[in-house]
C-alpha atoms as a PDB file:
ATOM      1  CA  UNK A   1       0.000   0.000   0.000  1.00  0.00           C
ATOM      2  CA  UNK A   2       1.295   3.475  -0.868  1.00  0.00           C
ATOM      3  CA  UNK A   3       2.848   5.174   2.179  1.00  0.00           C
ATOM      4  CA  UNK A   4       1.084   8.503   1.517  1.00  0.00           C
ATOM      5  CA  UNK A   5      -2.283   6.810   1.159  1.00  0.00           C
ATOM      6  CA  UNK A   6      -1.668   4.797   4.311  1.00  0.00           C
ATOM      7  CA  UNK A   7      -0.776   8.013   6.145  1.00  0.00           C
ATOM      8  CA  UNK A   8      -3.969   9.646   4.832  1.00  0.00           C
ATOM      9  CA  UNK A   9      -6.019   6.843   6.369  1.00  0.00           C
ATOM     10  CA  UNK A  10      -4.088   7.068   9.661  1.00  0.00           C
ATOM     11  CA  UNK A  11      -4.615  10.819   9.912  1.00  0.00           C
ATOM     12  CA  UNK A  12      -8.087  10.917   8.372  1.00  0.00           C
ATOM     13  CA  UNK A  13      -7.004  13.192   5.502  1.00  0.00           C
ATOM     14  CA  UNK A  14     -10.002  13.027   3.166  1.00  0.00           C
ATOM     15  CA  UNK A  15      -8.587  15.667   0.802  1.00  0.00           C
ATOM     16  CA  UNK A  16      -5.526  13.545   0.163  1.00  0.00           C
ATOM     17  CA  UNK A  17      -7.754  10.518  -0.435  1.00  0.00           C
ATOM     18  CA  UNK A  18      -9.739  12.499  -3.016  1.00  0.00           C
ATOM     19  CA  UNK A  19      -6.500  13.643  -4.649  1.00  0.00           C
ATOM     20  CA  UNK A  20      -5.316  10.045  -5.013  1.00  0.00           C
ATOM     21  CA  UNK A  21      -8.700   8.959  -6.373  1.00  0.00           C
ATOM     22  CA  UNK A  22      -8.711  11.822  -8.889  1.00  0.00           C
ATOM     23  CA  UNK A  23      -5.307  10.666 -10.126  1.00  0.00           C
ATOM     24  CA  UNK A  24      -6.352   7.007 -10.230  1.00  0.00           C
ATOM     25  CA  UNK A  25     -10.098   6.279 -10.026  1.00  0.00           C
ATOM     26  CA  UNK A  26      -9.397   2.531  -9.818  1.00  0.00           C
ATOM     27  CA  UNK A  27      -7.026   2.907  -6.881  1.00  0.00           C
ATOM     28  CA  UNK A  28      -9.300   1.323  -4.272  1.00  0.00           C
ATOM     29  CA  UNK A  29      -9.996  -1.621  -6.557  1.00  0.00           C
ATOM     30  CA  UNK A  30      -6.257  -2.088  -7.099  1.00  0.00           C
ATOM     31  CA  UNK A  31      -5.620  -1.922  -3.352  1.00  0.00           C
ATOM     32  CA  UNK A  32      -8.240  -4.603  -2.773  1.00  0.00           C
ATOM     33  CA  UNK A  33      -6.069  -7.009  -4.738  1.00  0.00           C
ATOM     34  CA  UNK A  34      -2.779  -6.022  -3.113  1.00  0.00           C
ATOM     35  CA  UNK A  35      -3.319  -6.451   0.615  1.00  0.00           C
ATOM     36  CA  UNK A  36      -5.533  -8.190   3.162  1.00  0.00           C
ATOM     37  CA  UNK A  37      -5.555  -5.043   5.292  1.00  0.00           C
ATOM     38  CA  UNK A  38      -7.289  -2.130   3.613  1.00  0.00           C
ATOM     39  CA  UNK A  39      -7.681   1.598   4.264  1.00  0.00           C
ATOM     40  CA  UNK A  40     -10.896   0.943   6.156  1.00  0.00           C
ATOM     41  CA  UNK A  41      -9.007  -1.210   8.678  1.00  0.00           C
ATOM     42  CA  UNK A  42      -6.481   1.579   9.236  1.00  0.00           C
ATOM     43  CA  UNK A  43      -9.112   4.331   9.517  1.00  0.00           C
ATOM     44  CA  UNK A  44     -11.114   2.159  11.938  1.00  0.00           C
ATOM     45  CA  UNK A  45      -8.064   1.633  14.134  1.00  0.00           C
ATOM     46  CA  UNK A  46      -7.414   5.385  14.154  1.00  0.00           C
ATOM     47  CA  UNK A  47     -11.080   6.240  14.818  1.00  0.00           C
ATOM     48  CA  UNK A  48     -11.573   8.510  11.785  1.00  0.00           C
ATOM     49  CA  UNK A  49     -15.306   8.323  11.113  1.00  0.00           C
ATOM     50  CA  UNK A  50     -15.258  10.840   8.225  1.00  0.00           C
ATOM     51  CA  UNK A  51     -12.568   8.862   6.433  1.00  0.00           C
ATOM     52  CA  UNK A  52     -14.515   5.654   7.029  1.00  0.00           C
ATOM     53  CA  UNK A  53     -17.611   7.274   5.480  1.00  0.00           C
ATOM     54  CA  UNK A  54     -15.650   8.223   2.367  1.00  0.00           C
ATOM     55  CA  UNK A  55     -14.061   4.816   1.892  1.00  0.00           C
ATOM     56  CA  UNK A  56     -17.423   3.081   2.355  1.00  0.00           C
ATOM     57  CA  UNK A  57     -18.968   5.413  -0.207  1.00  0.00           C
ATOM     58  CA  UNK A  58     -16.398   4.379  -2.817  1.00  0.00           C
ATOM     59  CA  UNK A  59     -15.780   0.756  -1.823  1.00  0.00           C
ATOM     60  CA  UNK A  60     -18.423  -0.669   0.555  1.00  0.00           C
ATOM     61  CA  UNK A  61     -17.008  -4.195   0.099  1.00  0.00           C
ATOM     62  CA  UNK A  62     -14.007  -3.176   2.213  1.00  0.00           C
ATOM     63  CA  UNK A  63     -16.328  -3.342   5.249  1.00  0.00           C
ATOM     64  CA  UNK A  64     -16.462  -7.148   4.975  1.00  0.00           C
ATOM     65  CA  UNK A  65     -12.777  -7.805   4.396  1.00  0.00           C
ATOM     66  CA  UNK A  66     -10.726  -9.519   7.068  1.00  0.00           C
ATOM     67  CA  UNK A  67      -7.155  -8.628   7.922  1.00  0.00           C
ATOM     68  CA  UNK A  68      -4.535 -11.358   8.155  1.00  0.00           C
ATOM     69  CA  UNK A  69      -5.236 -11.361  11.903  1.00  0.00           C
ATOM     70  CA  UNK A  70      -8.920 -12.188  11.382  1.00  0.00           C
ATOM     71  CA  UNK A  71     -10.426  -8.750  12.031  1.00  0.00           C
ATOM     72  CA  UNK A  72     -12.765  -6.728   9.859  1.00  0.00           C
ATOM     73  CA  UNK A  73     -13.087  -2.954  10.233  1.00  0.00           C
ATOM     74  CA  UNK A  74     -16.236  -3.415  12.337  1.00  0.00           C
ATOM     75  CA  UNK A  75     -14.437  -5.859  14.665  1.00  0.00           C
ATOM     76  CA  UNK A  76     -11.822  -3.157  15.249  1.00  0.00           C
ATOM     77  CA  UNK A  77     -14.341  -0.336  15.734  1.00  0.00           C
ATOM     78  CA  UNK A  78     -16.460  -2.459  18.092  1.00  0.00           C
ATOM     79  CA  UNK A  79     -13.535  -3.477  20.267  1.00  0.00           C
ATOM     80  CA  UNK A  80     -12.447   0.155  20.547  1.00  0.00           C
ATOM     81  CA  UNK A  81     -15.951   1.474  21.216  1.00  0.00           C
ATOM     82  CA  UNK A  82     -16.065   3.703  18.127  1.00  0.00           C
ATOM     83  CA  UNK A  83     -19.850   3.972  17.947  1.00  0.00           C
ATOM     84  CA  UNK A  84     -20.028   6.349  14.975  1.00  0.00           C
ATOM     85  CA  UNK A  85     -17.780   4.113  12.893  1.00  0.00           C
ATOM     86  CA  UNK A  86     -19.867   1.089  13.869  1.00  0.00           C
ATOM     87  CA  UNK A  87     -22.993   2.956  12.728  1.00  0.00           C
ATOM     88  CA  UNK A  88     -21.424   3.811   9.376  1.00  0.00           C
ATOM     89  CA  UNK A  89     -20.377   0.226   8.793  1.00  0.00           C
ATOM     90  CA  UNK A  90     -23.785  -1.141   9.791  1.00  0.00           C
ATOM     91  CA  UNK A  91     -25.306   1.100   7.098  1.00  0.00           C
ATOM     92  CA  UNK A  92     -23.420  -1.043   4.579  1.00  0.00           C
ATOM     93  CA  UNK A  93     -25.037  -4.173   6.010  1.00  0.00           C
ATOM     94  CA  UNK A  94     -26.674  -4.588   9.447  1.00  0.00           C
ATOM     95  CA  UNK A  95     -25.528  -8.220   9.444  1.00  0.00           C
ATOM     96  CA  UNK A  96     -21.916  -7.094   9.769  1.00  0.00           C
ATOM     97  CA  UNK A  97     -22.462  -7.412  13.523  1.00  0.00           C
ATOM     98  CA  UNK A  98     -22.554 -11.186  12.866  1.00  0.00           C
ATOM     99  CA  UNK A  99     -19.379 -11.338  10.785  1.00  0.00           C
ATOM    100  CA  UNK A 100     -17.201 -14.143  12.159  1.00  0.00           C
ATOM    101  CA  UNK A 101     -13.542 -13.355  12.706  1.00  0.00           C
ATOM    102  CA  UNK A 102     -10.741 -14.952  14.679  1.00  0.00           C
ATOM    103  CA  UNK A 103     -12.053 -17.845  16.812  1.00  0.00           C
ATOM    104  CA  UNK A 104     -15.474 -17.099  15.293  1.00  0.00           C
ATOM    105  CA  UNK A 105     -15.823 -13.962  17.411  1.00  0.00           C
ATOM    106  CA  UNK A 106     -18.242 -11.411  16.013  1.00  0.00           C
ATOM    107  CA  UNK A 107     -17.988  -7.641  16.471  1.00  0.00           C
ATOM    108  CA  UNK A 108     -20.717  -7.957  19.111  1.00  0.00           C
ATOM    109  CA  UNK A 109     -18.554 -10.423  21.043  1.00  0.00           C
ATOM    110  CA  UNK A 110     -15.710  -7.885  21.153  1.00  0.00           C
ATOM    111  CA  UNK A 111     -18.043  -5.080  22.218  1.00  0.00           C
ATOM    112  CA  UNK A 112     -19.580  -7.217  24.980  1.00  0.00           C
ATOM    113  CA  UNK A 113     -16.251  -8.496  26.291  1.00  0.00           C
ATOM    114  CA  UNK A 114     -14.992  -4.925  26.590  1.00  0.00           C
ATOM    115  CA  UNK A 115     -18.168  -3.345  27.952  1.00  0.00           C
ATOM    116  CA  UNK A 116     -18.849  -1.094  24.943  1.00  0.00           C
ATOM    117  CA  UNK A 117     -22.476  -0.470  25.942  1.00  0.00           C
ATOM    118  CA  UNK A 118     -23.455   1.941  23.159  1.00  0.00           C
ATOM    119  CA  UNK A 119     -21.952  -0.331  20.519  1.00  0.00           C
ATOM    120  CA  UNK A 120     -23.748  -3.348  21.993  1.00  0.00           C
ATOM    121  CA  UNK A 121     -27.080  -1.512  21.874  1.00  0.00           C
ATOM    122  CA  UNK A 122     -26.527  -0.372  18.293  1.00  0.00           C
ATOM    123  CA  UNK A 123     -25.705  -3.867  17.090  1.00  0.00           C
ATOM    124  CA  UNK A 124     -28.513  -5.543  19.026  1.00  0.00           C
ATOM    125  CA  UNK A 125     -30.996  -3.059  17.551  1.00  0.00           C
ATOM    126  CA  UNK A 126     -29.728  -3.316  13.984  1.00  0.00           C
ATOM    127  CA  UNK A 127     -29.449  -7.111  14.010  1.00  0.00           C
ATOM    128  CA  UNK A 128     -31.267  -8.672  17.001  1.00  0.00           C
ATOM    129  CA  UNK A 129     -30.281 -12.218  16.042  1.00  0.00           C
ATOM    130  CA  UNK A 130     -26.608 -11.290  16.564  1.00  0.00           C
ATOM    131  CA  UNK A 131     -27.019 -11.778  20.331  1.00  0.00           C
ATOM    132  CA  UNK A 132     -27.391 -15.530  19.694  1.00  0.00           C
ATOM    133  CA  UNK A 133     -24.120 -15.930  17.767  1.00  0.00           C
ATOM    134  CA  UNK A 134     -21.516 -18.109  19.452  1.00  0.00           C
ATOM    135  CA  UNK A 135     -17.731 -18.225  19.413  1.00  0.00           C
ATOM    136  CA  UNK A 136     -15.730 -21.328  18.608  1.00  0.00           C
ATOM    137  CA  UNK A 137     -16.017 -22.120  22.352  1.00  0.00           C
ATOM    138  CA  UNK A 138     -19.827 -21.840  22.201  1.00  0.00           C
ATOM    139  CA  UNK A 139     -20.004 -18.518  24.070  1.00  0.00           C
ATOM    140  CA  UNK A 140     -22.541 -15.779  23.299  1.00  0.00           C
ATOM    141  CA  UNK A 141     -21.983 -12.063  23.870  1.00  0.00           C
ATOM    142  CA  UNK A 142     -23.747 -12.457  27.218  1.00  0.00           C
ATOM    143  CA  UNK A 143     -21.367 -15.249  28.262  1.00  0.00           C
ATOM    144  CA  UNK A 144     -18.367 -13.107  27.340  1.00  0.00           C
ATOM    145  CA  UNK A 145     -19.692 -10.074  29.215  1.00  0.00           C
ATOM    146  CA  UNK A 146     -20.233 -12.184  32.351  1.00  0.00           C
ATOM    147  CA  UNK A 147     -16.844 -13.876  31.977  1.00  0.00           C
ATOM    148  CA  UNK A 148     -15.119 -10.482  31.694  1.00  0.00           C
ATOM    149  CA  UNK A 149     -17.151  -8.907  34.550  1.00  0.00           C
ATOM    150  CA  UNK A 150     -18.817  -6.354  32.277  1.00  0.00           C
ATOM    151  CA  UNK A 151     -21.826  -5.840  34.575  1.00  0.00           C
ATOM    152  CA  UNK A 152     -22.918  -2.546  33.007  1.00  0.00           C
ATOM    153  CA  UNK A 153     -22.920  -4.134  29.571  1.00  0.00           C
ATOM    154  CA  UNK A 154     -25.147  -6.907  30.861  1.00  0.00           C
ATOM    155  CA  UNK A 155     -27.613  -4.489  32.496  1.00  0.00           C
ATOM    156  CA  UNK A 156     -27.808  -1.867  29.795  1.00  0.00           C
ATOM    157  CA  UNK A 157     -26.624  -3.475  26.609  1.00  0.00           C
ATOM    158  CA  UNK A 158     -29.492  -5.601  25.359  1.00  0.00           C
ATOM    159  CA  UNK A 159     -27.543  -8.860  25.204  1.00  0.00           C
ATOM    160  CA  UNK A 160     -29.267 -10.682  28.004  1.00  0.00           C
END
């Protein structure tokens, strides 16, 4: 991946993204072939919701792509509690909250295990059946919240 483009996604520089796309309209399609980690992963890690919105507008399929480590952009945003990014990604497909990653953990599993109450609520509302999804160990989001002592998530989150 181009260093300048990677830096644009880290810093959330939408103008630079537009400049690159003006120079090469097929850039995002080319990047999709070059690397398992895409700009949406990087922007999700950095918490840049505006950059996420732009990438999703041009290449919504990036929302479903897994990194080499088994994380999609919504797994990353959920684990970090980036509610606005989660909302943007759920606009692509509400079922992204059920996307299985490493050890068959879903984004909801990460949110529940870390007590990300607002993210849990958003996912449970957008895809109610996601609360029934289980990890490779057979654990639901509720199990993980209990296991990790996330009492507030259990009370307020809509997973139990």
